[in-house]
Structure formats: structure tokens, C-alpha cells
Amino acid sequence: MKIAWLTDAQAPYREPLFCELATRCDFHVHFLFTEEPERHFRFRPHPGYWSAVLPSVRLPLPKRIARRLDSYQAVLRIGETRKMLDAADVVVIPTWAQAASAWTMLRARRRGIPYVIFSESTLDSRQFDRGPVAWLRTKLFRQAGAVVVPGPSARDAALHTGVERGRIVESVNSIDLEAFGARPRELRSAAGEGTGPDAAHHRFAVIGQLIGRKNVHSLLDAFSRLDGEPTLDVAGDGVDRQALEDQARALGVLDRVRFLGFLEEPGVVEVLARAQTLVLPSTEEVYGFTALEAQVAGLQVVVSSKAGIAENLVGVPGAWVVEPDADDVLAGLEAARAAWTGWTADIPEDAASPKRTADDVLAAARIASR
């Protein structure tokens, strides 16, 4: 089977899945942009799978609409959509709210080539509930050959959009199990770490862009109200960094909060190797990969109810789902600190296995091809 994957930019967290799919089928990944500066994604060829940046033209949008879409928009140059579809049996698209992707799906439908949507979107994360964008979403989802979702929240959103249950494949998001599973445990062993510091010196971490919806300001407020001498690593950069540093200073916790800036994957792994609890306090989060990475690394997680991954974590040991306000985040921090007994020894492959996700993508491709 020839599968083409069309997406915006080269996200490192997708690469374990791409490498796995490349061992199973004739698999090509097509990117629309050479980089995504906000998340520091930059294209570079990967030896594990075929990839290329397609010739495209970026579309200017009014700032109000651009902010709501939360992504760049582009159209492919004339002839590029046809060339991609001619070389594929099935097209997989994770970014339906992208002009080039929507056009590709409409063209694929007209040419009789099935497409699969990989959808992380939840009802909470949707920006458009009515109007032409909502109409287009409904049309694209209902005409999809299959829809792959990484959990129950995304499944419910797909059902709400009118996708038949039999065309929904419920899967998991996957990450590099070696990097986020084995490597943090190696670093702890080399450092002589046992169960980590006591409750008074508990190590928290937050990883992501420092922008409004990541809600780090509420986390700082909650953190400042903890007794003892816990620490907080803030890994990431963004327009709110200076304001957050000023807030930490005003709250009197700047000496216990480390602003690390943007980190490449090895730096993130080092943060996860020394932290005990990862916090994801976002007011809006389509999924929440950092919580998944932290789980695989053996940490506890405190996750906002507004994150797509939240429903996957309900009732899971070592996970607390909270509302994204300072009081509820504080309750989560206190509960996690009190419950700490040490990093988990086993790597939970079932929650993040690239093999499992590849199985499900291929199953969806077969459903779409019927």
C-alpha cells in the first residue's frame, strides 16, 4: 500500500511513528513548511523515512482569524496536489484546518482516492462551532474514509461531527520510547537517584511555549503557595517569558523557579530525568504530548481538564486531572507531592507505542480503501 502523509511542519514527536510506518508500507511524508518558528520545528531529512517539503504559497490572514486557527495557512503550487495523489493509494492528513490539506481532501474525494484524518481535536479545543469553517469540517470528516483518534475525547468529537463509529479507529499518540523511556532512567541511575528528594523539596516541571493558553501564570501562583522548598523547572520560550519571570520575582519564588528557555529533545529528557511531577495547566490544549512523555519517563502528571489527553488519564495512578485555575492546580500539586513514592520502573509502552499507532493507521487505511 502506498500511503502519503501531508502535514504542516516536521514535528519531532511524530518521527517514531513515521519510521515505523516506513517499515510497513510505501510511505512518503510531505511537509508544507520548512519551519515553524514558534515551536522550533525545522525540516531536515530523516534517514528513517522519505520526506520532502512541497512547493507552496503561504496565505496572509487577518490577525484575528490567524490567532484562532493557531497555524500558518498555505496552498500548494499548481500541479503538486495531483502529483502527490497520483503516487498514493491513501492520503493521511492530521491538519484538516489547513487550506492545502482541505483542498487535497476535496481533490482526493473527486479522484476516488480515499483519505484518512488523524484527528486530535476535542470539543473543548474547537475554535469554530458554526459558520463556513464548521461546515467545511463536517463535510471533510463525513467524507473521510476513516478517522484515527488518540483517545476518547477526540473520538467523541469525531462522533459529534457525524463520523460513523465503524470508521473511527481509536489509537494512541506515540513517542520515542528509547529517548523518553530508557534514557531518563539511565540518567537517574548514573546520578545515583533513588526515589528523588523528600516532599519538602519536590521537583516540578512544566514544558511548552510560554504563551497565554499554556497558563503558566496560574501554575506560578499555585506553586508560590506551596510550603517547604519545592522547585519548578520551566522549559520553553515565548512572548510571555519576561512577564512570567517578573511574576515569579513578585511572588518571591524566583530563586526556586528556573527558566531554562527552549530546549532540544536531549535537554527535555534531562529535565524529565530530574523532575518528579510534570504539570500541564493549559486552558486549551488539543492533546498534550509533554504529559505523555513524562508518563513514559516515570513521572507523575498534573494535567488540565482542558487538555485532550486528560480523559485518557482519569483514574490512572500517578495522574491528577484538575481545572486550569490556580486553586485547583494547587490542589493537584499538593496531592502529587503527598503521593510521591518514586519514579515508576516500567515503561508504559501500551500508552505510547509507535508500533501500536502504526497498526491503527494501517487499519484505518484499509477501512478507507474498502
Protein backbone atom coordinates (compact mmCIF):
# COMPACT_ATOMS: atom_id res chain seq x y z
CA MET A 1 0.00 0.00 0.00
CA LYS A 2 1.24 3.49 -0.89
CA ILE A 3 0.49 6.00 1.86
CA ALA A 4 1.12 9.75 1.64
CA TRP A 5 1.10 11.78 4.87
CA LEU A 6 0.50 15.53 4.40
CA THR A 7 1.15 17.89 7.31
CA ASP A 8 2.33 21.41 8.11
CA ALA A 9 5.83 21.05 9.55
CA GLN A 10 8.22 18.35 10.70
CA ALA A 11 7.34 17.69 14.34
CA PRO A 12 9.97 15.55 16.13
CA TYR A 13 7.33 13.76 18.20
CA ARG A 14 5.81 12.23 15.02
CA GLU A 15 9.07 10.75 13.76
CA PRO A 16 8.97 7.42 15.68
CA LEU A 17 5.58 6.76 14.03
CA PHE A 18 6.90 7.79 10.60
CA CYS A 19 9.88 5.45 10.94
CA GLU A 20 7.61 2.58 11.95
CA LEU A 21 5.21 3.16 9.06
CA ALA A 22 8.15 3.28 6.65
CA THR A 23 8.98 -0.32 7.58
CA ARG A 24 5.41 -1.46 6.86
CA CYS A 25 4.44 0.20 3.57
CA ASP A 26 5.49 2.54 0.78
CA PHE A 27 5.36 5.66 2.95
CA HIS A 28 6.01 9.29 1.96
CA VAL A 29 5.71 12.35 4.23
CA HIS A 30 5.00 15.73 2.63
CA PHE A 31 5.50 18.97 4.58
CA LEU A 32 4.08 22.38 3.69
CA PHE A 33 6.65 24.49 5.55
CA THR A 34 10.39 24.27 6.09
CA GLU A 35 9.96 25.55 9.63
CA GLU A 36 7.52 26.52 12.36
CA PRO A 37 9.42 29.13 14.39
CA GLU A 38 7.06 29.19 17.40
CA ARG A 39 7.77 25.54 18.23
CA HIS A 40 11.26 25.48 16.70
CA PHE A 41 10.34 22.83 14.11
CA ARG A 42 12.78 22.85 11.19
CA PHE A 43 12.89 20.47 8.27
CA ARG A 44 15.83 18.15 7.84
CA PRO A 45 15.86 14.82 6.01
CA HIS A 46 15.50 11.83 8.33
CA PRO A 47 17.18 8.53 7.43
CA GLY A 48 14.23 6.51 8.73
CA TYR A 49 11.58 7.69 6.26
CA TRP A 50 11.14 9.50 2.94
CA SER A 51 10.20 13.16 3.28
CA ALA A 52 10.10 16.41 1.31
CA VAL A 53 8.81 19.98 1.54
CA LEU A 54 6.23 20.65 -1.15
CA PRO A 55 6.25 23.89 -3.14
CA SER A 56 3.57 26.02 -1.53
CA VAL A 57 2.48 29.63 -1.13
CA ARG A 58 1.71 30.98 2.32
CA LEU A 59 -1.66 32.72 2.63
CA PRO A 60 -1.86 36.02 4.55
CA LEU A 61 -4.73 36.08 7.04
CA PRO A 62 -6.22 38.77 9.26
CA LYS A 63 -4.64 38.56 12.73
CA ARG A 64 -7.97 37.76 14.40
CA ILE A 65 -8.52 34.69 12.22
CA ALA A 66 -4.85 33.67 12.30
CA ARG A 67 -4.88 33.58 16.11
CA ARG A 68 -7.96 31.37 16.16
CA LEU A 69 -6.55 28.93 13.60
CA ASP A 70 -3.28 28.73 15.56
CA SER A 71 -1.34 27.71 12.44
CA TYR A 72 0.02 29.09 9.20
CA GLN A 73 -2.09 28.65 6.07
CA ALA A 74 -0.80 27.71 2.62
CA VAL A 75 -1.87 26.49 -0.80
CA LEU A 76 0.15 24.08 -2.92
CA ARG A 77 1.53 25.28 -6.21
CA ILE A 78 -0.34 24.18 -9.33
CA GLY A 79 0.15 20.50 -10.09
CA GLU A 80 1.59 19.48 -6.69
CA THR A 81 -1.67 18.08 -5.33
CA ARG A 82 -2.15 15.97 -8.45
CA LYS A 83 1.41 14.59 -8.29
CA MET A 84 1.01 13.61 -4.64
CA LEU A 85 -2.36 11.92 -5.23
CA ASP A 86 -1.14 10.09 -8.34
CA ALA A 87 1.57 8.41 -6.24
CA ALA A 88 -0.70 7.35 -3.34
CA ASP A 89 -3.33 4.73 -2.57
CA VAL A 90 -4.38 6.54 0.61
CA VAL A 91 -3.65 10.03 1.97
CA VAL A 92 -3.38 10.62 5.74
CA ILE A 93 -3.91 14.20 6.96
CA PRO A 94 -3.68 15.37 10.61
CA THR A 95 -4.35 19.07 9.95
CA TRP A 96 -7.78 19.37 8.35
CA ALA A 97 -7.99 23.10 9.24
CA GLN A 98 -5.27 23.92 6.71
CA ALA A 99 -6.15 25.28 3.27
CA ALA A 100 -3.76 22.97 1.42
CA SER A 101 -4.95 19.95 3.39
CA ALA A 102 -8.64 20.72 2.87
CA TRP A 103 -8.07 21.20 -0.86
CA THR A 104 -6.15 17.90 -1.02
CA MET A 105 -9.02 16.05 0.67
CA LEU A 106 -11.58 17.55 -1.68
CA ARG A 107 -9.44 16.68 -4.70
CA ALA A 108 -8.80 13.17 -3.39
CA ARG A 109 -12.53 12.62 -2.99
CA ARG A 110 -13.15 13.76 -6.57
CA ARG A 111 -10.41 11.47 -7.93
CA GLY A 112 -11.60 8.46 -5.95
CA ILE A 113 -8.56 8.29 -3.67
CA PRO A 114 -9.53 7.66 -0.03
CA TYR A 115 -8.21 9.86 2.74
CA VAL A 116 -7.79 9.31 6.49
CA ILE A 117 -7.92 12.14 9.02
CA PHE A 118 -5.69 11.77 12.09
CA SER A 119 -7.66 13.95 14.47
CA GLU A 120 -6.59 15.02 17.96
CA SER A 121 -9.23 17.74 18.12
CA THR A 122 -11.68 17.65 21.03
CA LEU A 123 -14.94 19.50 21.54
CA ASP A 124 -13.15 21.78 24.03
CA SER A 125 -10.36 22.65 21.59
CA ARG A 126 -12.59 23.61 18.67
CA GLN A 127 -12.40 27.25 17.67
CA PHE A 128 -15.35 27.33 15.25
CA ASP A 129 -18.74 25.90 16.27
CA ARG A 130 -20.70 27.43 13.39
CA GLY A 131 -20.23 29.18 10.09
CA PRO A 132 -18.28 28.17 6.98
CA VAL A 133 -15.30 26.64 8.85
CA ALA A 134 -17.58 24.39 10.91
CA TRP A 135 -19.46 23.44 7.74
CA LEU A 136 -16.21 22.52 5.99
CA ARG A 137 -15.06 20.44 8.99
CA THR A 138 -18.30 18.47 8.94
CA LYS A 139 -18.03 17.88 5.20
CA LEU A 140 -14.39 16.72 5.34
CA PHE A 141 -14.91 14.42 8.33
CA ARG A 142 -18.07 12.81 6.96
CA GLN A 143 -16.42 12.14 3.61
CA ALA A 144 -13.24 10.71 5.15
CA GLY A 145 -12.64 7.01 4.57
CA ALA A 146 -11.65 6.69 8.22
CA VAL A 147 -10.68 8.84 11.19
CA VAL A 148 -7.89 7.91 13.63
CA VAL A 149 -8.18 9.40 17.13
CA PRO A 150 -5.70 9.18 20.05
CA GLY A 151 -8.26 8.85 22.82
CA PRO A 152 -11.87 9.11 23.95
CA SER A 153 -12.10 12.92 23.84
CA ALA A 154 -11.12 13.04 20.18
CA ARG A 155 -13.39 10.05 19.47
CA ASP A 156 -16.39 11.86 20.96
CA ALA A 157 -15.59 14.95 18.88
CA ALA A 158 -15.48 12.85 15.70
CA LEU A 159 -18.81 11.22 16.56
CA HIS A 160 -20.29 14.66 17.25
CA THR A 161 -19.16 15.74 13.78
CA GLY A 162 -21.15 12.90 12.24
CA VAL A 163 -18.46 10.29 11.56
CA GLU A 164 -19.84 6.76 11.68
CA ARG A 165 -18.49 4.79 14.64
CA GLY A 166 -17.33 1.98 12.35
CA ARG A 167 -15.00 4.39 10.54
CA ILE A 168 -13.32 5.63 13.74
CA VAL A 169 -10.13 3.86 14.81
CA GLU A 170 -9.25 4.67 18.42
CA SER A 171 -5.49 4.64 18.88
CA VAL A 172 -2.80 6.31 21.00
CA ASN A 173 -0.29 9.04 20.32
CA SER A 174 3.23 7.67 20.22
CA ILE A 175 6.67 8.93 21.19
CA ASP A 176 10.28 7.73 21.15
CA LEU A 177 10.29 5.09 23.89
CA GLU A 178 14.08 4.94 23.91
CA ALA A 179 14.54 8.69 24.37
CA PHE A 180 11.75 9.24 26.90
CA GLY A 181 11.61 5.80 28.48
CA ALA A 182 15.08 4.32 28.76
CA ARG A 183 17.22 7.47 28.71
CA PRO A 184 15.74 9.24 31.81
CA ARG A 185 16.20 6.04 33.82
CA GLU A 186 19.82 5.81 32.68
CA LEU A 187 20.45 9.41 33.75
CA ARG A 188 18.90 8.82 37.18
CA SER A 189 20.93 5.67 37.68
CA ALA A 190 24.15 7.46 36.70
CA ALA A 191 23.31 10.27 39.16
CA GLY A 192 22.61 7.79 41.94
CA GLU A 193 18.98 8.89 42.27
CA GLY A 194 16.73 6.60 44.28
CA THR A 195 13.22 7.84 44.78
CA GLY A 196 14.17 11.51 44.49
CA PRO A 197 14.05 14.34 47.07
CA ASP A 198 11.65 14.38 50.00
CA ALA A 199 8.28 16.11 49.88
CA ALA A 200 9.62 19.46 51.06
CA HIS A 201 11.99 19.62 48.08
CA HIS A 202 9.71 18.10 45.44
CA ARG A 203 10.75 18.88 41.85
CA PHE A 204 8.02 20.09 39.48
CA ALA A 205 8.40 20.87 35.78
CA VAL A 206 6.38 22.49 33.00
CA ILE A 207 7.41 22.20 29.35
CA GLY A 208 5.96 24.18 26.45
CA GLN A 209 5.57 27.57 24.83
CA LEU A 210 5.30 30.49 27.20
CA ILE A 211 2.08 31.90 25.78
CA GLY A 212 -1.28 32.73 27.30
CA ARG A 213 -3.16 29.48 26.73
CA LYS A 214 -0.36 27.46 28.37
CA ASN A 215 -1.47 29.13 31.62
CA VAL A 216 1.94 29.09 33.33
CA HIS A 217 0.96 32.20 35.28
CA SER A 218 -1.68 30.17 37.18
CA LEU A 219 0.90 27.48 37.87
CA LEU A 220 3.30 30.08 39.31
CA ASP A 221 0.51 31.42 41.54
CA ALA A 222 -0.24 27.89 42.79
CA PHE A 223 3.44 27.00 43.19
CA SER A 224 4.08 30.09 45.32
CA ARG A 225 1.52 28.86 47.86
CA LEU A 226 3.24 25.52 48.49
CA ASP A 227 5.11 25.22 51.79
CA GLY A 228 8.62 23.82 52.04
CA GLU A 229 11.18 24.41 49.30
CA PRO A 230 9.90 22.72 46.13
CA THR A 231 11.46 23.70 42.80
CA LEU A 232 9.95 24.32 39.37
CA ASP A 233 11.74 23.96 36.03
CA VAL A 234 10.13 25.98 33.22
CA ALA A 235 11.37 24.69 29.85
CA GLY A 236 10.22 26.75 26.89
CA ASP A 237 10.18 30.21 25.43
CA GLY A 238 7.59 32.64 24.14
CA VAL A 239 6.14 36.11 24.30
CA ASP A 240 5.14 35.77 27.98
CA ARG A 241 8.57 34.79 29.32
CA GLN A 242 9.56 38.18 30.74
CA ALA A 243 6.14 38.67 32.34
CA LEU A 244 6.37 35.23 33.94
CA GLU A 245 9.84 35.92 35.31
CA ASP A 246 8.54 39.20 36.72
CA GLN A 247 5.62 37.34 38.28
CA ALA A 248 7.91 34.75 39.89
CA ARG A 249 10.04 37.58 41.29
CA ALA A 250 6.99 39.39 42.68
CA LEU A 251 5.75 36.16 44.27
CA GLY A 252 9.12 35.63 45.95
CA VAL A 253 9.87 32.28 44.26
CA LEU A 254 12.32 33.27 41.53
CA ASP A 255 15.13 31.56 43.47
CA ARG A 256 13.23 28.25 43.19
CA VAL A 257 11.94 28.64 39.63
CA ARG A 258 14.41 28.01 36.80
CA PHE A 259 13.55 29.47 33.40
CA LEU A 260 15.51 27.24 31.04
CA GLY A 261 14.40 28.63 27.68
CA PHE A 262 13.75 26.44 24.66
CA LEU A 263 15.36 23.01 24.88
CA GLU A 264 16.02 20.43 22.19
CA GLU A 265 14.91 16.87 22.92
CA PRO A 266 18.05 15.85 24.92
CA GLY A 267 17.56 18.85 27.20
CA VAL A 268 13.89 17.99 27.72
CA VAL A 269 14.89 14.44 28.61
CA GLU A 270 17.31 15.78 31.22
CA VAL A 271 14.52 17.87 32.76
CA LEU A 272 12.28 14.80 32.93
CA ALA A 273 15.10 12.73 34.43
CA ARG A 274 15.36 15.00 37.47
CA ALA A 275 11.73 16.15 37.88
CA GLN A 276 9.18 14.21 39.89
CA THR A 277 5.91 15.76 38.67
CA LEU A 278 5.14 17.29 35.27
CA VAL A 279 2.41 19.96 35.20
CA LEU A 280 0.32 20.78 32.12
CA PRO A 281 -2.00 23.63 33.24
CA SER A 282 -3.24 24.81 29.80
CA THR A 283 -6.59 26.50 29.37
CA GLU A 284 -6.67 25.00 25.86
CA GLU A 285 -4.64 22.00 24.63
CA VAL A 286 -5.55 19.83 21.67
CA TYR A 287 -3.66 16.87 23.16
CA GLY A 288 -0.67 17.35 25.47
CA PHE A 289 2.39 15.39 24.37
CA THR A 290 4.51 16.56 27.29
CA ALA A 291 2.27 14.71 29.73
CA LEU A 292 2.65 11.53 27.68
CA GLU A 293 6.44 11.95 27.57
CA ALA A 294 6.50 12.49 31.33
CA GLN A 295 4.43 9.37 31.99
CA VAL A 296 6.76 7.26 29.87
CA ALA A 297 9.72 8.79 31.73
CA GLY A 298 8.22 7.56 35.02
CA LEU A 299 6.91 10.85 36.40
CA GLN A 300 3.63 11.81 37.98
CA VAL A 301 1.50 14.26 36.00
CA VAL A 302 -0.92 17.03 36.93
CA VAL A 303 -2.96 17.82 33.82
CA SER A 304 -5.61 20.39 32.98
CA SER A 305 -9.08 19.06 32.22
CA LYS A 306 -8.95 21.16 29.04
CA ALA A 307 -6.17 19.01 27.53
CA GLY A 308 -7.13 16.32 25.03
CA ILE A 309 -5.09 13.75 26.94
CA ALA A 310 -6.98 14.41 30.20
CA GLU A 311 -9.71 11.84 29.63
CA ASN A 312 -7.03 9.19 28.98
CA LEU A 313 -5.65 9.89 32.48
CA VAL A 314 -8.81 9.71 34.56
CA GLY A 315 -8.29 7.04 37.23
CA VAL A 316 -4.68 6.39 36.19
CA PRO A 317 -2.29 6.02 39.17
CA GLY A 318 0.11 8.94 39.43
CA ALA A 319 -2.10 11.28 37.41
CA TRP A 320 -4.33 14.12 38.58
CA VAL A 321 -6.77 15.94 36.29
CA VAL A 322 -7.52 19.48 37.52
CA GLU A 323 -9.32 22.59 36.40
CA PRO A 324 -6.94 25.21 34.96
CA ASP A 325 -7.24 27.73 37.79
CA ALA A 326 -4.69 28.43 40.50
CA ASP A 327 -6.69 26.85 43.34
CA ASP A 328 -7.30 23.56 41.55
CA VAL A 329 -3.74 23.42 40.20
CA LEU A 330 -2.51 23.95 43.78
CA ALA A 331 -4.64 21.03 44.95
CA GLY A 332 -3.08 18.89 42.22
CA LEU A 333 0.45 19.90 43.20
CA GLU A 334 -0.21 19.12 46.85
CA ALA A 335 -1.77 15.74 46.02
CA ALA A 336 1.11 14.77 43.74
CA ARG A 337 3.73 15.78 46.29
CA ALA A 338 1.99 13.85 49.07
CA ALA A 339 1.61 10.73 46.92
CA TRP A 340 5.20 10.57 45.70
CA THR A 341 6.99 7.26 46.33
CA GLY A 342 9.41 7.23 43.43
CA TRP A 343 9.67 7.07 39.64
CA THR A 344 7.90 4.14 38.01
CA ALA A 345 10.29 1.42 36.95
CA ASP A 346 8.36 0.11 33.96
CA ILE A 347 7.98 1.94 30.67
CA PRO A 348 4.24 2.05 29.77
CA GLU A 349 4.63 1.12 26.11
CA ASP A 350 0.92 0.45 25.64
CA ALA A 351 0.20 4.17 26.15
CA ALA A 352 2.73 5.47 23.63
CA SER A 353 3.96 2.72 21.31
CA PRO A 354 4.79 3.71 17.70
CA LYS A 355 4.05 0.09 16.71
CA ARG A 356 0.54 0.34 18.13
CA THR A 357 -0.14 3.66 16.38
CA ALA A 358 1.24 2.34 13.08
CA ASP A 359 -1.04 -0.70 13.36
CA ASP A 360 -4.02 1.61 13.78
CA VAL A 361 -3.09 3.95 10.93
CA LEU A 362 -2.77 0.97 8.59
CA ALA A 363 -6.08 -0.42 9.86
CA ALA A 364 -7.70 2.93 9.09
CA ALA A 365 -6.13 2.93 5.62
CA ARG A 366 -7.65 -0.49 4.95
CA ILE A 367 -11.07 0.69 6.15
CA ALA A 368 -10.81 3.74 3.91
CA SER A 369 -9.87 1.59 0.91
CA ARG A 370 -12.92 -0.67 1.09
